[in-house]
Amino acid sequence: MIDLQGQKAAVNGAKTEKSVAEIIESLGGFVCQNKFALDFGHYYETLLIKNKPYINMFGTKGKGDFFLSSIFLDKELRIEVRSQNVKGSASEKIPTLFYNCKSMDTQNVIIVLEGSGHAKHAVDWLLEKA
């Protein structure tokens, strides 16, 4: 059986991630995959790295959506994107995301929640914890 809803969610998430990358590029930043970060990092004041690994809340390897290193902002931060365009049983994703963010290599994290399908109680919980 094909999970069309899951495929649509993946496409929507990819669109939102693309928007994040386009914003950084429009501000003069460079976007690259993690495996190329060492090759390009020293050429750019702002570097957005896709899929940079981190150790998650279970102590295993995870991949974050984005890692931003900016000399201009004098900051390093993570950007995590979650897309949920239809209501469903994805409420548990938000606490998992939150606790994974707490275990990342920087405490500077921006969480982007895209779509109207995120459960209000889960978003309220996240805002209370943040």
C-alpha atoms as a PDB file:
ATOM      1  CA  MET A   1       0.000   0.000   0.000  1.00  0.00           C
ATOM      2  CA  ILE A   2       1.353   3.431  -0.952  1.00  0.00           C
ATOM      3  CA  ASP A   3       1.319   6.085   1.779  1.00  0.00           C
ATOM      4  CA  LEU A   4       0.253   9.121  -0.250  1.00  0.00           C
ATOM      5  CA  GLN A   5      -0.220  11.290   2.837  1.00  0.00           C
ATOM      6  CA  GLY A   6       3.330  10.503   3.975  1.00  0.00           C
ATOM      7  CA  GLN A   7       4.699  11.269   0.520  1.00  0.00           C
ATOM      8  CA  LYS A   8       2.843  14.584   0.449  1.00  0.00           C
ATOM      9  CA  ALA A   9       4.209  15.471   3.900  1.00  0.00           C
ATOM     10  CA  ALA A  10       7.750  14.737   2.733  1.00  0.00           C
ATOM     11  CA  VAL A  11       7.286  16.965  -0.315  1.00  0.00           C
ATOM     12  CA  ASN A  12       5.877  19.796   1.826  1.00  0.00           C
ATOM     13  CA  GLY A  13       8.750  19.465   4.289  1.00  0.00           C
ATOM     14  CA  ALA A  14      11.271  19.601   1.441  1.00  0.00           C
ATOM     15  CA  LYS A  15       9.608  22.776   0.120  1.00  0.00           C
ATOM     16  CA  THR A  16       9.876  24.437   3.529  1.00  0.00           C
ATOM     17  CA  GLU A  17      13.529  23.389   3.857  1.00  0.00           C
ATOM     18  CA  LYS A  18      14.168  24.828   0.383  1.00  0.00           C
ATOM     19  CA  SER A  19      12.598  28.119   1.510  1.00  0.00           C
ATOM     20  CA  VAL A  20      14.933  28.263   4.524  1.00  0.00           C
ATOM     21  CA  ALA A  21      17.935  27.675   2.253  1.00  0.00           C
ATOM     22  CA  GLU A  22      16.745  30.342  -0.204  1.00  0.00           C
ATOM     23  CA  ILE A  23      16.432  32.905   2.604  1.00  0.00           C
ATOM     24  CA  ILE A  24      20.020  32.254   3.724  1.00  0.00           C
ATOM     25  CA  GLU A  25      21.270  32.442   0.125  1.00  0.00           C
ATOM     26  CA  SER A  26      19.396  35.731  -0.426  1.00  0.00           C
ATOM     27  CA  LEU A  27      21.319  37.138   2.555  1.00  0.00           C
ATOM     28  CA  GLY A  28      24.647  36.144   0.977  1.00  0.00           C
ATOM     29  CA  GLY A  29      25.078  32.801   2.700  1.00  0.00           C
ATOM     30  CA  PHE A  30      26.242  29.569   1.120  1.00  0.00           C
ATOM     31  CA  VAL A  31      24.285  26.318   1.434  1.00  0.00           C
ATOM     32  CA  CYS A  32      25.959  22.915   1.232  1.00  0.00           C
ATOM     33  CA  GLN A  33      25.639  19.313   2.372  1.00  0.00           C
ATOM     34  CA  ASN A  34      27.552  18.362   5.516  1.00  0.00           C
ATOM     35  CA  LYS A  35      30.140  16.350   3.547  1.00  0.00           C
ATOM     36  CA  PHE A  36      31.241  19.530   1.711  1.00  0.00           C
ATOM     37  CA  ALA A  37      31.256  21.920   4.687  1.00  0.00           C
ATOM     38  CA  LEU A  38      35.008  21.708   5.285  1.00  0.00           C
ATOM     39  CA  ASP A  39      35.679  22.446   1.606  1.00  0.00           C
ATOM     40  CA  PHE A  40      33.594  25.637   1.495  1.00  0.00           C
ATOM     41  CA  GLY A  41      33.327  26.850   5.085  1.00  0.00           C
ATOM     42  CA  HIS A  42      36.337  29.149   5.079  1.00  0.00           C
ATOM     43  CA  TYR A  43      35.142  31.040   1.967  1.00  0.00           C
ATOM     44  CA  TYR A  44      31.852  32.295   3.391  1.00  0.00           C
ATOM     45  CA  GLU A  45      30.884  34.425   6.380  1.00  0.00           C
ATOM     46  CA  THR A  46      27.561  32.591   6.607  1.00  0.00           C
ATOM     47  CA  LEU A  47      27.360  28.876   5.911  1.00  0.00           C
ATOM     48  CA  LEU A  48      24.185  26.774   6.081  1.00  0.00           C
ATOM     49  CA  ILE A  49      25.015  23.083   6.351  1.00  0.00           C
ATOM     50  CA  LYS A  50      22.334  20.517   5.491  1.00  0.00           C
ATOM     51  CA  ASN A  51      22.065  17.202   7.354  1.00  0.00           C
ATOM     52  CA  LYS A  52      24.840  17.830   9.891  1.00  0.00           C
ATOM     53  CA  PRO A  53      24.937  14.903  12.342  1.00  0.00           C
ATOM     54  CA  TYR A  54      24.345  15.214  16.072  1.00  0.00           C
ATOM     55  CA  ILE A  55      23.882  12.816  18.969  1.00  0.00           C
ATOM     56  CA  ASN A  56      20.151  12.532  19.710  1.00  0.00           C
ATOM     57  CA  MET A  57      18.331  12.092  23.017  1.00  0.00           C
ATOM     58  CA  PHE A  58      18.845   8.313  22.840  1.00  0.00           C
ATOM     59  CA  GLY A  59      22.626   8.704  22.447  1.00  0.00           C
ATOM     60  CA  THR A  60      22.576   7.607  18.813  1.00  0.00           C
ATOM     61  CA  LYS A  61      23.463   9.498  15.656  1.00  0.00           C
ATOM     62  CA  GLY A  62      20.806  11.727  14.112  1.00  0.00           C
ATOM     63  CA  LYS A  63      20.886  14.234  11.279  1.00  0.00           C
ATOM     64  CA  GLY A  64      19.626  17.752  11.777  1.00  0.00           C
ATOM     65  CA  ASP A  65      17.931  19.711   9.027  1.00  0.00           C
ATOM     66  CA  PHE A  66      20.335  22.668   9.099  1.00  0.00           C
ATOM     67  CA  PHE A  67      23.363  23.971  10.988  1.00  0.00           C
ATOM     68  CA  LEU A  68      24.051  27.681  10.493  1.00  0.00           C
ATOM     69  CA  SER A  69      27.473  29.137  11.159  1.00  0.00           C
ATOM     70  CA  SER A  70      27.621  32.899  10.805  1.00  0.00           C
ATOM     71  CA  ILE A  71      30.556  35.192  11.462  1.00  0.00           C
ATOM     72  CA  PHE A  72      28.190  38.104  10.786  1.00  0.00           C
ATOM     73  CA  LEU A  73      25.836  37.010  13.592  1.00  0.00           C
ATOM     74  CA  ASP A  74      28.688  35.646  15.721  1.00  0.00           C
ATOM     75  CA  LYS A  75      26.539  32.546  16.233  1.00  0.00           C
ATOM     76  CA  GLU A  76      26.168  28.913  15.419  1.00  0.00           C
ATOM     77  CA  LEU A  77      22.665  27.548  15.494  1.00  0.00           C
ATOM     78  CA  ARG A  78      20.489  24.696  14.351  1.00  0.00           C
ATOM     79  CA  ILE A  79      17.312  25.118  12.306  1.00  0.00           C
ATOM     80  CA  GLU A  80      14.826  22.252  12.465  1.00  0.00           C
ATOM     81  CA  VAL A  81      11.805  22.178  10.148  1.00  0.00           C
ATOM     82  CA  ARG A  82       8.622  20.161  10.704  1.00  0.00           C
ATOM     83  CA  SER A  83       5.743  20.229   8.245  1.00  0.00           C
ATOM     84  CA  GLN A  84       2.245  19.025   9.130  1.00  0.00           C
ATOM     85  CA  ASN A  85      -0.476  20.164   6.746  1.00  0.00           C
ATOM     86  CA  VAL A  86      -3.255  17.820   7.854  1.00  0.00           C
ATOM     87  CA  LYS A  87      -4.437  16.951  11.317  1.00  0.00           C
ATOM     88  CA  GLY A  88      -3.238  13.558  12.449  1.00  0.00           C
ATOM     89  CA  SER A  89      -1.409  11.621  15.101  1.00  0.00           C
ATOM     90  CA  ALA A  90       1.883  13.469  14.808  1.00  0.00           C
ATOM     91  CA  SER A  91       1.634  15.277  18.169  1.00  0.00           C
ATOM     92  CA  GLU A  92       4.415  13.148  19.659  1.00  0.00           C
ATOM     93  CA  LYS A  93       6.856  14.437  17.033  1.00  0.00           C
ATOM     94  CA  ILE A  94       7.036  17.848  18.700  1.00  0.00           C
ATOM     95  CA  PRO A  95       8.235  16.644  22.146  1.00  0.00           C
ATOM     96  CA  THR A  96      10.705  14.293  20.456  1.00  0.00           C
ATOM     97  CA  LEU A  97      12.007  17.211  18.389  1.00  0.00           C
ATOM     98  CA  PHE A  98      12.275  19.376  21.513  1.00  0.00           C
ATOM     99  CA  TYR A  99      14.285  16.803  23.493  1.00  0.00           C
ATOM    100  CA  ASN A 100      16.515  16.069  20.505  1.00  0.00           C
ATOM    101  CA  CYS A 101      17.208  19.804  20.226  1.00  0.00           C
ATOM    102  CA  LYS A 102      18.217  19.854  23.905  1.00  0.00           C
ATOM    103  CA  SER A 103      20.883  17.226  23.142  1.00  0.00           C
ATOM    104  CA  MET A 104      22.344  19.006  20.089  1.00  0.00           C
ATOM    105  CA  ASP A 105      25.795  20.579  19.964  1.00  0.00           C
ATOM    106  CA  THR A 106      24.388  24.087  20.361  1.00  0.00           C
ATOM    107  CA  GLN A 107      21.611  25.439  22.547  1.00  0.00           C
ATOM    108  CA  ASN A 108      20.742  27.958  19.824  1.00  0.00           C
ATOM    109  CA  VAL A 109      17.925  26.259  17.912  1.00  0.00           C
ATOM    110  CA  ILE A 110      15.179  27.655  15.709  1.00  0.00           C
ATOM    111  CA  ILE A 111      12.199  25.348  15.228  1.00  0.00           C
ATOM    112  CA  VAL A 112      10.083  26.037  12.137  1.00  0.00           C
ATOM    113  CA  LEU A 113       6.606  24.496  12.277  1.00  0.00           C
ATOM    114  CA  GLU A 114       4.974  24.718   8.865  1.00  0.00           C
ATOM    115  CA  GLY A 115       1.348  23.921   8.096  1.00  0.00           C
ATOM    116  CA  SER A 116      -1.934  24.019   9.958  1.00  0.00           C
ATOM    117  CA  GLY A 117      -1.989  20.351  10.956  1.00  0.00           C
ATOM    118  CA  HIS A 118       0.093  20.625  14.128  1.00  0.00           C
ATOM    119  CA  ALA A 119      -2.054  19.899  17.171  1.00  0.00           C
ATOM    120  CA  LYS A 120      -2.653  23.044  19.226  1.00  0.00           C
ATOM    121  CA  HIS A 121      -1.883  21.256  22.497  1.00  0.00           C
ATOM    122  CA  ALA A 122       1.480  20.091  21.124  1.00  0.00           C
ATOM    123  CA  VAL A 123       2.419  23.579  19.891  1.00  0.00           C
ATOM    124  CA  ASP A 124       1.302  25.082  23.215  1.00  0.00           C
ATOM    125  CA  TRP A 125       3.463  22.507  25.029  1.00  0.00           C
ATOM    126  CA  LEU A 126       6.470  23.477  22.885  1.00  0.00           C
ATOM    127  CA  LEU A 127       5.963  27.195  23.499  1.00  0.00           C
ATOM    128  CA  GLU A 128       5.715  26.572  27.236  1.00  0.00           C
ATOM    129  CA  LYS A 129       8.953  24.554  27.246  1.00  0.00           C
ATOM    130  CA  ALA A 130      10.946  26.902  24.988  1.00  0.00           C
END
